[in-house]
Amino acid sequence: MSRAGVNEISPYLQALKATWIEVGDIDSALDFFLHAMEYDLLDQGDQASEFSELFGHEASRPWALLSGPGERTGQVVIFAGNARAKHPGFPRGWDSIEVVTSELDEAARRIKAFPGVVEVIAPFNADFSEQNSNVHRSACWLMPWGNHVMLTQAVSQPDGRDFPSTAASVGRTFEMHLRTTEYERGRHLLLDILQMPRLMDVELTSGPFHVGWGLSDDHLIRMVFCKSGGLGTGGGAIELQGHPEEKLHPSVGTTRASTPGGTALVTFTCNDLDAVHSRITADGGFECTEIHIMNSGPFVGRRSFMMWCVEGAPLQLIDA
């Protein structure tokens, strides 16, 4: 494991700005995020520059930008499209959004009661102290549109940093799960190219992760938790998980012009967009667009580019 990341600053990625979730019924999804999760609605529209990059053509799709009360990072964008197909095992690529809460058990009752939601992990205390984290109370649900939503509330504090917190029912998304069989390639992107500091770097065959998800001891999980932002916990993280091929959904060959439904895209703000773009293109192992100014959508007017990382999962970087 790694504790050094607590005292490091991410040189490029500043904050996890937003997670884009593709849903089959945007009215129902909006109802969920506003009433079960108690998010605030910040903006809505029908056009977004991101759609032409994701789908290879201009597309009119209703979208809505939401956040925990007062949060400027860790937001959620839902947009109309398709739900992710259901398969045994974990969704491949982007999946779970992990959101901080101040009242996990009360929020869990609202979420579990929402039509179509399936409880995957009932509220329980998970002790990750041996993995350079803390004891936190967590729960997880599978959404009707095919991605997982997790809520987490600190029970204790990790050494040398403060665990994310909020005074509201929900705060920010503080980490995103990226699941893959291309684990070493993913590590190369996050650690070498994007130079994200590590808060956790482990291999697991037992413990709270296996207990929570009901996994057998022969299921090896390799995991590196990479943060954006400043000292301590930072400004939002990517939890890269390496899983055996048979434990993940079938590969759908996600590329430009397609998304799997559910969690479709993750956006980070970036301190030096030009430098990061140069690092990615010089490496040559990941496809990316040119830097451009977005002319529509929730982040209109920002300079941006999009890249496709492990499992073809799209990652968008925008000017901080």
C-alpha atoms as a PDB file:
ATOM      1  CA  MET A   1       0.000   0.000   0.000  1.00  0.00           C
ATOM      2  CA  SER A   2       1.052   3.645  -0.314  1.00  0.00           C
ATOM      3  CA  ARG A   3       0.824   6.449   2.249  1.00  0.00           C
ATOM      4  CA  ALA A   4       3.034   8.882   0.373  1.00  0.00           C
ATOM      5  CA  GLY A   5       0.139  10.279  -1.652  1.00  0.00           C
ATOM      6  CA  VAL A   6      -1.284  12.038   1.412  1.00  0.00           C
ATOM      7  CA  ASN A   7       1.611  14.519   1.241  1.00  0.00           C
ATOM      8  CA  GLU A   8       1.591  14.899  -2.553  1.00  0.00           C
ATOM      9  CA  ILE A   9      -0.216  17.323  -4.851  1.00  0.00           C
ATOM     10  CA  SER A  10      -1.588  16.210  -8.191  1.00  0.00           C
ATOM     11  CA  PRO A  11       0.338  18.300 -10.756  1.00  0.00           C
ATOM     12  CA  TYR A  12      -2.333  18.163 -13.440  1.00  0.00           C
ATOM     13  CA  LEU A  13      -5.777  16.953 -12.366  1.00  0.00           C
ATOM     14  CA  GLN A  14      -7.357  19.409  -9.952  1.00  0.00           C
ATOM     15  CA  ALA A  15     -10.780  17.956  -9.131  1.00  0.00           C
ATOM     16  CA  LEU A  16     -13.374  15.383 -10.095  1.00  0.00           C
ATOM     17  CA  LYS A  17     -15.866  17.769 -11.665  1.00  0.00           C
ATOM     18  CA  ALA A  18     -18.723  15.510 -12.785  1.00  0.00           C
ATOM     19  CA  THR A  19     -19.870  12.022 -13.672  1.00  0.00           C
ATOM     20  CA  TRP A  20     -22.119  11.589 -16.723  1.00  0.00           C
ATOM     21  CA  ILE A  21     -24.781   8.874 -16.400  1.00  0.00           C
ATOM     22  CA  GLU A  22     -26.763   7.683 -19.403  1.00  0.00           C
ATOM     23  CA  VAL A  23     -30.324   6.729 -18.434  1.00  0.00           C
ATOM     24  CA  GLY A  24     -33.257   5.203 -20.278  1.00  0.00           C
ATOM     25  CA  ASP A  25     -35.869   7.409 -18.595  1.00  0.00           C
ATOM     26  CA  ILE A  26     -34.513  10.853 -17.724  1.00  0.00           C
ATOM     27  CA  ASP A  27     -37.683  11.964 -15.915  1.00  0.00           C
ATOM     28  CA  SER A  28     -37.490   8.985 -13.572  1.00  0.00           C
ATOM     29  CA  ALA A  29     -33.742   9.483 -13.053  1.00  0.00           C
ATOM     30  CA  LEU A  30     -34.268  13.172 -12.294  1.00  0.00           C
ATOM     31  CA  ASP A  31     -36.931  12.217  -9.754  1.00  0.00           C
ATOM     32  CA  PHE A  32     -34.470   9.815  -8.128  1.00  0.00           C
ATOM     33  CA  PHE A  33     -31.612  12.297  -7.824  1.00  0.00           C
ATOM     34  CA  LEU A  34     -33.831  15.147  -6.606  1.00  0.00           C
ATOM     35  CA  HIS A  35     -35.947  13.240  -4.090  1.00  0.00           C
ATOM     36  CA  ALA A  36     -34.227   9.994  -3.102  1.00  0.00           C
ATOM     37  CA  MET A  37     -30.711  11.473  -3.152  1.00  0.00           C
ATOM     38  CA  GLU A  38     -31.768  15.085  -2.412  1.00  0.00           C
ATOM     39  CA  TYR A  39     -29.494  16.692  -5.009  1.00  0.00           C
ATOM     40  CA  ASP A  40     -29.962  20.252  -6.252  1.00  0.00           C
ATOM     41  CA  LEU A  41     -30.812  20.848  -9.929  1.00  0.00           C
ATOM     42  CA  LEU A  42     -28.294  23.361 -11.341  1.00  0.00           C
ATOM     43  CA  ASP A  43     -28.954  23.407 -15.087  1.00  0.00           C
ATOM     44  CA  GLN A  44     -30.765  21.615 -17.919  1.00  0.00           C
ATOM     45  CA  GLY A  45     -30.575  21.532 -21.707  1.00  0.00           C
ATOM     46  CA  ASP A  46     -30.800  19.474 -24.896  1.00  0.00           C
ATOM     47  CA  GLN A  47     -27.416  20.058 -26.526  1.00  0.00           C
ATOM     48  CA  ALA A  48     -23.928  19.278 -25.244  1.00  0.00           C
ATOM     49  CA  SER A  49     -20.608  19.295 -27.079  1.00  0.00           C
ATOM     50  CA  GLU A  50     -19.766  16.042 -25.296  1.00  0.00           C
ATOM     51  CA  PHE A  51     -22.473  14.175 -27.213  1.00  0.00           C
ATOM     52  CA  SER A  52     -20.825  14.659 -30.595  1.00  0.00           C
ATOM     53  CA  GLU A  53     -17.582  13.277 -29.143  1.00  0.00           C
ATOM     54  CA  LEU A  54     -19.240  10.332 -27.415  1.00  0.00           C
ATOM     55  CA  PHE A  55     -21.504   9.329 -30.294  1.00  0.00           C
ATOM     56  CA  GLY A  56     -19.593  10.586 -33.326  1.00  0.00           C
ATOM     57  CA  HIS A  57     -22.321  12.954 -34.483  1.00  0.00           C
ATOM     58  CA  GLU A  58     -24.339  15.913 -33.257  1.00  0.00           C
ATOM     59  CA  ALA A  59     -27.110  14.652 -31.027  1.00  0.00           C
ATOM     60  CA  SER A  60     -29.952  16.321 -29.195  1.00  0.00           C
ATOM     61  CA  ARG A  61     -30.387  14.611 -25.849  1.00  0.00           C
ATOM     62  CA  PRO A  62     -31.982  16.101 -22.733  1.00  0.00           C
ATOM     63  CA  TRP A  63     -29.473  16.461 -19.892  1.00  0.00           C
ATOM     64  CA  ALA A  64     -29.517  17.797 -16.334  1.00  0.00           C
ATOM     65  CA  LEU A  65     -26.646  18.944 -14.099  1.00  0.00           C
ATOM     66  CA  LEU A  66     -27.073  18.132 -10.402  1.00  0.00           C
ATOM     67  CA  SER A  67     -25.004  18.440  -7.247  1.00  0.00           C
ATOM     68  CA  GLY A  68     -25.092  18.041  -3.519  1.00  0.00           C
ATOM     69  CA  PRO A  69     -26.160  21.333  -1.883  1.00  0.00           C
ATOM     70  CA  GLY A  70     -23.441  23.940  -2.422  1.00  0.00           C
ATOM     71  CA  GLU A  71     -20.981  21.522  -4.033  1.00  0.00           C
ATOM     72  CA  ARG A  72     -18.914  22.817  -6.953  1.00  0.00           C
ATOM     73  CA  THR A  73     -17.191  19.484  -7.644  1.00  0.00           C
ATOM     74  CA  GLY A  74     -18.272  15.855  -7.630  1.00  0.00           C
ATOM     75  CA  GLN A  75     -21.428  16.719  -9.547  1.00  0.00           C
ATOM     76  CA  VAL A  76     -23.644  14.462 -11.698  1.00  0.00           C
ATOM     77  CA  VAL A  77     -24.886  14.952 -15.265  1.00  0.00           C
ATOM     78  CA  ILE A  78     -27.722  12.643 -16.312  1.00  0.00           C
ATOM     79  CA  PHE A  79     -28.636  12.420 -19.988  1.00  0.00           C
ATOM     80  CA  ALA A  80     -31.204  10.538 -22.058  1.00  0.00           C
ATOM     81  CA  GLY A  81     -30.115   7.371 -23.818  1.00  0.00           C
ATOM     82  CA  ASN A  82     -30.006   3.676 -23.000  1.00  0.00           C
ATOM     83  CA  ALA A  83     -29.708   1.725 -19.777  1.00  0.00           C
ATOM     84  CA  ARG A  84     -26.748  -0.615 -19.405  1.00  0.00           C
ATOM     85  CA  ALA A  85     -27.514  -4.253 -20.185  1.00  0.00           C
ATOM     86  CA  LYS A  86     -27.621  -6.596 -17.190  1.00  0.00           C
ATOM     87  CA  HIS A  87     -25.051  -9.395 -16.921  1.00  0.00           C
ATOM     88  CA  PRO A  88     -23.517 -11.461 -14.111  1.00  0.00           C
ATOM     89  CA  GLY A  89     -20.489  -9.900 -12.454  1.00  0.00           C
ATOM     90  CA  PHE A  90     -19.268  -6.321 -12.285  1.00  0.00           C
ATOM     91  CA  PRO A  91     -19.883  -3.675 -14.956  1.00  0.00           C
ATOM     92  CA  ARG A  92     -16.772  -3.097 -17.059  1.00  0.00           C
ATOM     93  CA  GLY A  93     -15.210   0.380 -17.377  1.00  0.00           C
ATOM     94  CA  TRP A  94     -16.745   3.257 -15.434  1.00  0.00           C
ATOM     95  CA  ASP A  95     -19.384   2.195 -12.940  1.00  0.00           C
ATOM     96  CA  SER A  96     -19.961   3.121  -9.298  1.00  0.00           C
ATOM     97  CA  ILE A  97     -20.240   6.696  -8.117  1.00  0.00           C
ATOM     98  CA  GLU A  98     -19.269   6.898  -4.441  1.00  0.00           C
ATOM     99  CA  VAL A  99     -20.938   9.853  -2.733  1.00  0.00           C
ATOM    100  CA  VAL A 100     -20.349  11.197   0.764  1.00  0.00           C
ATOM    101  CA  THR A 101     -23.361  11.560   3.073  1.00  0.00           C
ATOM    102  CA  SER A 102     -24.121  12.801   6.581  1.00  0.00           C
ATOM    103  CA  GLU A 103     -27.072  10.474   7.167  1.00  0.00           C
ATOM    104  CA  LEU A 104     -26.423   7.154   5.478  1.00  0.00           C
ATOM    105  CA  ASP A 105     -29.162   5.084   7.069  1.00  0.00           C
ATOM    106  CA  GLU A 106     -31.885   7.660   6.417  1.00  0.00           C
ATOM    107  CA  ALA A 107     -30.735   8.153   2.814  1.00  0.00           C
ATOM    108  CA  ALA A 108     -30.589   4.372   2.398  1.00  0.00           C
ATOM    109  CA  ARG A 109     -34.274   4.080   3.269  1.00  0.00           C
ATOM    110  CA  ARG A 110     -35.226   6.628   0.600  1.00  0.00           C
ATOM    111  CA  ILE A 111     -33.036   5.044  -2.064  1.00  0.00           C
ATOM    112  CA  LYS A 112     -34.148   1.475  -1.386  1.00  0.00           C
ATOM    113  CA  ALA A 113     -37.802   2.549  -1.682  1.00  0.00           C
ATOM    114  CA  PHE A 114     -37.335   4.058  -5.152  1.00  0.00           C
ATOM    115  CA  PRO A 115     -38.934   1.909  -7.908  1.00  0.00           C
ATOM    116  CA  GLY A 116     -36.478  -0.324  -9.763  1.00  0.00           C
ATOM    117  CA  VAL A 117     -33.574   0.135  -7.334  1.00  0.00           C
ATOM    118  CA  VAL A 118     -31.907  -3.091  -6.141  1.00  0.00           C
ATOM    119  CA  GLU A 119     -29.999  -3.120  -2.852  1.00  0.00           C
ATOM    120  CA  VAL A 120     -26.601  -4.733  -3.440  1.00  0.00           C
ATOM    121  CA  ILE A 121     -24.883  -3.934  -0.134  1.00  0.00           C
ATOM    122  CA  ALA A 122     -27.029  -3.151   2.903  1.00  0.00           C
ATOM    123  CA  PRO A 123     -25.589  -0.467   5.233  1.00  0.00           C
ATOM    124  CA  PHE A 124     -22.586  -1.839   7.120  1.00  0.00           C
ATOM    125  CA  ASN A 125     -19.342  -0.628   8.707  1.00  0.00           C
ATOM    126  CA  ALA A 126     -16.299  -1.346   6.535  1.00  0.00           C
ATOM    127  CA  ASP A 127     -12.869  -1.209   8.171  1.00  0.00           C
ATOM    128  CA  PHE A 128     -10.188  -0.252   5.646  1.00  0.00           C
ATOM    129  CA  SER A 129      -7.671   0.882   8.306  1.00  0.00           C
ATOM    130  CA  GLU A 130      -5.125  -1.707   7.165  1.00  0.00           C
ATOM    131  CA  GLN A 131      -5.402  -0.318   3.611  1.00  0.00           C
ATOM    132  CA  ASN A 132      -4.429   3.246   4.611  1.00  0.00           C
ATOM    133  CA  SER A 133      -8.020   4.403   4.945  1.00  0.00           C
ATOM    134  CA  ASN A 134     -10.579   4.392   7.742  1.00  0.00           C
ATOM    135  CA  VAL A 135     -13.741   2.827   9.103  1.00  0.00           C
ATOM    136  CA  HIS A 136     -16.686   4.080   7.122  1.00  0.00           C
ATOM    137  CA  ARG A 137     -20.335   3.145   6.888  1.00  0.00           C
ATOM    138  CA  SER A 138     -21.324   2.272   3.343  1.00  0.00           C
ATOM    139  CA  ALA A 139     -24.155   0.925   1.243  1.00  0.00           C
ATOM    140  CA  CYS A 140     -24.633   0.282  -2.475  1.00  0.00           C
ATOM    141  CA  TRP A 141     -27.523  -0.036  -4.912  1.00  0.00           C
ATOM    142  CA  LEU A 142     -27.900  -1.025  -8.568  1.00  0.00           C
ATOM    143  CA  MET A 143     -29.850   1.621 -10.456  1.00  0.00           C
ATOM    144  CA  PRO A 144     -32.557   0.884 -13.054  1.00  0.00           C
ATOM    145  CA  TRP A 145     -30.223   2.348 -15.708  1.00  0.00           C
ATOM    146  CA  GLY A 146     -27.425  -0.092 -14.871  1.00  0.00           C
ATOM    147  CA  ASN A 147     -24.759   1.622 -12.755  1.00  0.00           C
ATOM    148  CA  HIS A 148     -24.128   1.428  -9.021  1.00  0.00           C
ATOM    149  CA  VAL A 149     -24.577   4.252  -6.520  1.00  0.00           C
ATOM    150  CA  MET A 150     -22.677   4.041  -3.245  1.00  0.00           C
ATOM    151  CA  LEU A 151     -23.056   6.220  -0.166  1.00  0.00           C
ATOM    152  CA  THR A 152     -20.303   6.518   2.430  1.00  0.00           C
ATOM    153  CA  GLN A 153     -20.134   8.170   5.845  1.00  0.00           C
ATOM    154  CA  ALA A 154     -16.987   8.362   7.974  1.00  0.00           C
ATOM    155  CA  VAL A 155     -16.982   6.502  11.285  1.00  0.00           C
ATOM    156  CA  SER A 156     -13.298   7.266  11.942  1.00  0.00           C
ATOM    157  CA  GLN A 157     -10.585   9.310  10.238  1.00  0.00           C
ATOM    158  CA  PRO A 158      -7.601   7.918   8.290  1.00  0.00           C
ATOM    159  CA  ASP A 159      -4.061   8.793   9.337  1.00  0.00           C
ATOM    160  CA  GLY A 160      -2.769  12.101   8.010  1.00  0.00           C
ATOM    161  CA  ARG A 161      -5.880  13.241   6.166  1.00  0.00           C
ATOM    162  CA  ASP A 162      -9.549  14.058   6.578  1.00  0.00           C
ATOM    163  CA  PHE A 163     -12.104  11.741   5.041  1.00  0.00           C
ATOM    164  CA  PRO A 164     -14.599  13.628   2.803  1.00  0.00           C
ATOM    165  CA  SER A 165     -17.676  14.860   4.656  1.00  0.00           C
ATOM    166  CA  THR A 166     -20.791  16.963   4.218  1.00  0.00           C
ATOM    167  CA  ALA A 167     -23.440  18.562   6.416  1.00  0.00           C
ATOM    168  CA  ALA A 168     -26.121  17.739   3.843  1.00  0.00           C
ATOM    169  CA  SER A 169     -27.917  14.518   2.976  1.00  0.00           C
ATOM    170  CA  VAL A 170     -25.488  14.133   0.077  1.00  0.00           C
ATOM    171  CA  GLY A 171     -22.252  15.900  -0.742  1.00  0.00           C
ATOM    172  CA  ARG A 172     -19.859  15.336  -3.623  1.00  0.00           C
ATOM    173  CA  THR A 173     -18.860  12.255  -5.538  1.00  0.00           C
ATOM    174  CA  PHE A 174     -15.402  11.711  -4.094  1.00  0.00           C
ATOM    175  CA  GLU A 175     -14.340   8.698  -6.136  1.00  0.00           C
ATOM    176  CA  MET A 176     -15.197   6.791  -9.299  1.00  0.00           C
ATOM    177  CA  HIS A 177     -14.686   3.068  -9.825  1.00  0.00           C
ATOM    178  CA  LEU A 178     -12.977   2.021 -13.066  1.00  0.00           C
ATOM    179  CA  ARG A 179     -12.998  -1.770 -13.523  1.00  0.00           C
ATOM    180  CA  THR A 180     -10.789  -3.535 -16.033  1.00  0.00           C
ATOM    181  CA  THR A 181      -8.764  -6.556 -17.066  1.00  0.00           C
ATOM    182  CA  GLU A 182      -6.170  -4.049 -18.428  1.00  0.00           C
ATOM    183  CA  TYR A 183      -4.904  -3.201 -14.970  1.00  0.00           C
ATOM    184  CA  GLU A 184      -1.249  -2.467 -15.779  1.00  0.00           C
ATOM    185  CA  ARG A 185      -2.266  -0.296 -18.726  1.00  0.00           C
ATOM    186  CA  GLY A 186      -4.614   1.618 -16.424  1.00  0.00           C
ATOM    187  CA  ARG A 187      -1.865   2.112 -13.844  1.00  0.00           C
ATOM    188  CA  HIS A 188       0.402   3.460 -16.575  1.00  0.00           C
ATOM    189  CA  LEU A 189      -2.211   6.063 -17.512  1.00  0.00           C
ATOM    190  CA  LEU A 190      -3.033   7.214 -13.989  1.00  0.00           C
ATOM    191  CA  LEU A 191       0.410   7.032 -12.370  1.00  0.00           C
ATOM    192  CA  ASP A 192       2.858   7.689 -15.209  1.00  0.00           C
ATOM    193  CA  ILE A 193       0.995   9.900 -17.692  1.00  0.00           C
ATOM    194  CA  LEU A 194      -1.485  11.781 -15.483  1.00  0.00           C
ATOM    195  CA  GLN A 195       0.826  11.538 -12.433  1.00  0.00           C
ATOM    196  CA  MET A 196      -2.001  11.126  -9.929  1.00  0.00           C
ATOM    197  CA  PRO A 197      -0.755  10.478  -6.360  1.00  0.00           C
ATOM    198  CA  ARG A 198      -1.689   7.151  -4.746  1.00  0.00           C
ATOM    199  CA  LEU A 199      -3.635   6.952  -1.506  1.00  0.00           C
ATOM    200  CA  MET A 200      -4.034   3.166  -1.647  1.00  0.00           C
ATOM    201  CA  ASP A 201      -2.263   0.446  -3.629  1.00  0.00           C
ATOM    202  CA  VAL A 202      -3.288  -3.095  -2.675  1.00  0.00           C
ATOM    203  CA  GLU A 203      -4.098  -6.628  -3.769  1.00  0.00           C
ATOM    204  CA  LEU A 204      -7.087  -8.171  -1.994  1.00  0.00           C
ATOM    205  CA  THR A 205      -8.493 -11.692  -1.664  1.00  0.00           C
ATOM    206  CA  SER A 206     -10.498 -11.050   1.510  1.00  0.00           C
ATOM    207  CA  GLY A 207     -11.666  -8.245   3.766  1.00  0.00           C
ATOM    208  CA  PRO A 208     -14.489  -5.682   3.757  1.00  0.00           C
ATOM    209  CA  PHE A 209     -14.555  -5.324  -0.033  1.00  0.00           C
ATOM    210  CA  HIS A 210     -15.150  -9.067  -0.455  1.00  0.00           C
ATOM    211  CA  VAL A 211     -17.629  -9.159   2.435  1.00  0.00           C
ATOM    212  CA  GLY A 212     -19.636  -6.199   1.109  1.00  0.00           C
ATOM    213  CA  TRP A 213     -19.873  -7.481  -2.466  1.00  0.00           C
ATOM    214  CA  GLY A 214     -20.233 -11.139  -1.469  1.00  0.00           C
ATOM    215  CA  LEU A 215     -17.074 -12.255  -3.292  1.00  0.00           C
ATOM    216  CA  SER A 216     -15.240 -15.542  -2.858  1.00  0.00           C
ATOM    217  CA  ASP A 217     -11.633 -15.650  -1.638  1.00  0.00           C
ATOM    218  CA  ASP A 218     -10.426 -16.804  -5.075  1.00  0.00           C
ATOM    219  CA  HIS A 219     -11.497 -13.427  -6.549  1.00  0.00           C
ATOM    220  CA  LEU A 220      -8.268 -11.402  -6.654  1.00  0.00           C
ATOM    221  CA  ILE A 221      -8.787  -7.652  -6.819  1.00  0.00           C
ATOM    222  CA  ARG A 222      -5.868  -5.385  -7.596  1.00  0.00           C
ATOM    223  CA  MET A 223      -6.679  -1.816  -6.662  1.00  0.00           C
ATOM    224  CA  VAL A 224      -4.958   1.547  -6.830  1.00  0.00           C
ATOM    225  CA  PHE A 225      -6.720   4.644  -5.493  1.00  0.00           C
ATOM    226  CA  CYS A 226      -5.413   7.755  -7.295  1.00  0.00           C
ATOM    227  CA  LYS A 227      -6.376  11.261  -6.222  1.00  0.00           C
ATOM    228  CA  SER A 228      -6.636  14.640  -7.902  1.00  0.00           C
ATOM    229  CA  GLY A 229      -6.093  17.971  -6.152  1.00  0.00           C
ATOM    230  CA  GLY A 230      -4.038  18.963  -3.131  1.00  0.00           C
ATOM    231  CA  LEU A 231      -2.719  17.543   0.113  1.00  0.00           C
ATOM    232  CA  GLY A 232      -4.614  14.959   2.100  1.00  0.00           C
ATOM    233  CA  THR A 233      -7.579  13.294   0.431  1.00  0.00           C
ATOM    234  CA  GLY A 234      -7.492  15.719  -2.521  1.00  0.00           C
ATOM    235  CA  GLY A 235     -10.218  16.744  -4.936  1.00  0.00           C
ATOM    236  CA  GLY A 236     -11.736  13.448  -6.006  1.00  0.00           C
ATOM    237  CA  ALA A 237     -10.280  10.122  -7.049  1.00  0.00           C
ATOM    238  CA  ILE A 238     -10.266   7.258  -9.509  1.00  0.00           C
ATOM    239  CA  GLU A 239     -10.293   3.802  -7.935  1.00  0.00           C
ATOM    240  CA  LEU A 240      -8.808   1.548 -10.603  1.00  0.00           C
ATOM    241  CA  GLN A 241      -9.771  -2.078  -9.999  1.00  0.00           C
ATOM    242  CA  GLY A 242      -8.215  -5.026 -11.780  1.00  0.00           C
ATOM    243  CA  HIS A 243     -10.509  -8.072 -11.986  1.00  0.00           C
ATOM    244  CA  PRO A 244     -10.312 -11.484 -13.662  1.00  0.00           C
ATOM    245  CA  GLU A 245     -11.953 -11.536 -17.091  1.00  0.00           C
ATOM    246  CA  GLU A 246     -14.744 -13.887 -16.021  1.00  0.00           C
ATOM    247  CA  LYS A 247     -15.773 -11.586 -13.142  1.00  0.00           C
ATOM    248  CA  LEU A 248     -16.664  -8.638 -15.406  1.00  0.00           C
ATOM    249  CA  HIS A 249     -19.491  -8.020 -17.853  1.00  0.00           C
ATOM    250  CA  PRO A 250     -18.719  -9.088 -21.432  1.00  0.00           C
ATOM    251  CA  SER A 251     -16.682  -6.545 -23.336  1.00  0.00           C
ATOM    252  CA  VAL A 252     -18.863  -4.476 -25.655  1.00  0.00           C
ATOM    253  CA  GLY A 253     -15.911  -2.942 -27.455  1.00  0.00           C
ATOM    254  CA  THR A 254     -16.751   0.567 -26.278  1.00  0.00           C
ATOM    255  CA  THR A 255     -15.145   3.058 -28.653  1.00  0.00           C
ATOM    256  CA  ARG A 256     -15.890   6.485 -30.019  1.00  0.00           C
ATOM    257  CA  ALA A 257     -19.510   6.507 -31.223  1.00  0.00           C
ATOM    258  CA  SER A 258     -20.788   4.159 -28.520  1.00  0.00           C
ATOM    259  CA  THR A 259     -21.443   4.048 -24.776  1.00  0.00           C
ATOM    260  CA  PRO A 260     -22.582   1.074 -22.665  1.00  0.00           C
ATOM    261  CA  GLY A 261     -25.345   2.924 -20.796  1.00  0.00           C
ATOM    262  CA  GLY A 262     -25.149   3.750 -17.106  1.00  0.00           C
ATOM    263  CA  THR A 263     -21.938   5.577 -16.186  1.00  0.00           C
ATOM    264  CA  ALA A 264     -20.715   6.902 -19.519  1.00  0.00           C
ATOM    265  CA  LEU A 265     -18.113   9.616 -18.920  1.00  0.00           C
ATOM    266  CA  VAL A 266     -16.106  11.222 -16.113  1.00  0.00           C
ATOM    267  CA  THR A 267     -14.929  14.853 -16.182  1.00  0.00           C
ATOM    268  CA  PHE A 268     -11.926  16.240 -14.279  1.00  0.00           C
ATOM    269  CA  THR A 269     -10.711  19.820 -14.155  1.00  0.00           C
ATOM    270  CA  CYS A 270      -7.091  20.242 -15.164  1.00  0.00           C
ATOM    271  CA  ASN A 271      -4.430  22.794 -14.198  1.00  0.00           C
ATOM    272  CA  ASP A 272      -2.445  22.561 -17.453  1.00  0.00           C
ATOM    273  CA  LEU A 273      -4.608  21.155 -20.233  1.00  0.00           C
ATOM    274  CA  ASP A 274      -1.980  21.629 -22.947  1.00  0.00           C
ATOM    275  CA  ALA A 275       0.718  19.797 -20.988  1.00  0.00           C
ATOM    276  CA  VAL A 276      -1.519  16.817 -20.245  1.00  0.00           C
ATOM    277  CA  HIS A 277      -2.676  16.614 -23.866  1.00  0.00           C
ATOM    278  CA  SER A 278       0.965  16.582 -24.962  1.00  0.00           C
ATOM    279  CA  ARG A 279       1.813  13.832 -22.478  1.00  0.00           C
ATOM    280  CA  ILE A 280      -1.041  11.638 -23.743  1.00  0.00           C
ATOM    281  CA  THR A 281      -0.257  12.128 -27.420  1.00  0.00           C
ATOM    282  CA  ALA A 282       3.469  11.572 -26.841  1.00  0.00           C
ATOM    283  CA  ASP A 283       2.736   8.272 -25.093  1.00  0.00           C
ATOM    284  CA  GLY A 284       0.654   7.128 -28.066  1.00  0.00           C
ATOM    285  CA  GLY A 285      -1.210   4.426 -26.177  1.00  0.00           C
ATOM    286  CA  PHE A 286      -4.526   6.223 -25.744  1.00  0.00           C
ATOM    287  CA  GLU A 287      -6.755   7.882 -28.317  1.00  0.00           C
ATOM    288  CA  CYS A 288      -7.744  11.485 -27.652  1.00  0.00           C
ATOM    289  CA  THR A 289      -9.394  14.413 -29.407  1.00  0.00           C
ATOM    290  CA  GLU A 290      -7.822  17.781 -30.066  1.00  0.00           C
ATOM    291  CA  ILE A 291      -8.285  20.556 -27.510  1.00  0.00           C
ATOM    292  CA  HIS A 292     -11.341  22.655 -28.349  1.00  0.00           C
ATOM    293  CA  ILE A 293     -13.834  25.031 -26.763  1.00  0.00           C
ATOM    294  CA  MET A 294     -17.182  23.494 -25.892  1.00  0.00           C
ATOM    295  CA  ASN A 295     -20.061  25.357 -27.537  1.00  0.00           C
ATOM    296  CA  SER A 296     -22.927  23.788 -25.583  1.00  0.00           C
ATOM    297  CA  GLY A 297     -23.709  21.766 -22.485  1.00  0.00           C
ATOM    298  CA  PRO A 298     -23.114  22.181 -18.742  1.00  0.00           C
ATOM    299  CA  PHE A 299     -19.494  23.296 -19.208  1.00  0.00           C
ATOM    300  CA  VAL A 300     -19.991  25.554 -22.228  1.00  0.00           C
ATOM    301  CA  GLY A 301     -17.100  27.912 -22.965  1.00  0.00           C
ATOM    302  CA  ARG A 302     -14.450  25.708 -21.330  1.00  0.00           C
ATOM    303  CA  ARG A 303     -11.432  24.354 -23.210  1.00  0.00           C
ATOM    304  CA  SER A 304     -11.590  20.600 -23.237  1.00  0.00           C
ATOM    305  CA  PHE A 305     -10.482  17.334 -24.765  1.00  0.00           C
ATOM    306  CA  MET A 306     -11.644  13.763 -24.389  1.00  0.00           C
ATOM    307  CA  MET A 307      -9.610  10.567 -24.266  1.00  0.00           C
ATOM    308  CA  TRP A 308     -10.474   6.867 -24.169  1.00  0.00           C
ATOM    309  CA  CYS A 309      -8.729   4.922 -21.434  1.00  0.00           C
ATOM    310  CA  VAL A 310      -8.902   1.242 -20.386  1.00  0.00           C
ATOM    311  CA  GLU A 311     -11.990  -0.643 -21.615  1.00  0.00           C
ATOM    312  CA  GLY A 312     -12.656   2.306 -23.925  1.00  0.00           C
ATOM    313  CA  ALA A 313     -13.954   4.339 -20.956  1.00  0.00           C
ATOM    314  CA  PRO A 314     -14.151   8.042 -21.907  1.00  0.00           C
ATOM    315  CA  LEU A 315     -12.344  10.575 -19.707  1.00  0.00           C
ATOM    316  CA  GLN A 316     -12.868  14.305 -20.271  1.00  0.00           C
ATOM    317  CA  LEU A 317     -10.422  16.960 -19.079  1.00  0.00           C
ATOM    318  CA  ILE A 318     -11.458  20.629 -18.941  1.00  0.00           C
ATOM    319  CA  ASP A 319      -9.684  23.825 -17.928  1.00  0.00           C
ATOM    320  CA  ALA A 320      -9.813  24.445 -14.195  1.00  0.00           C
END
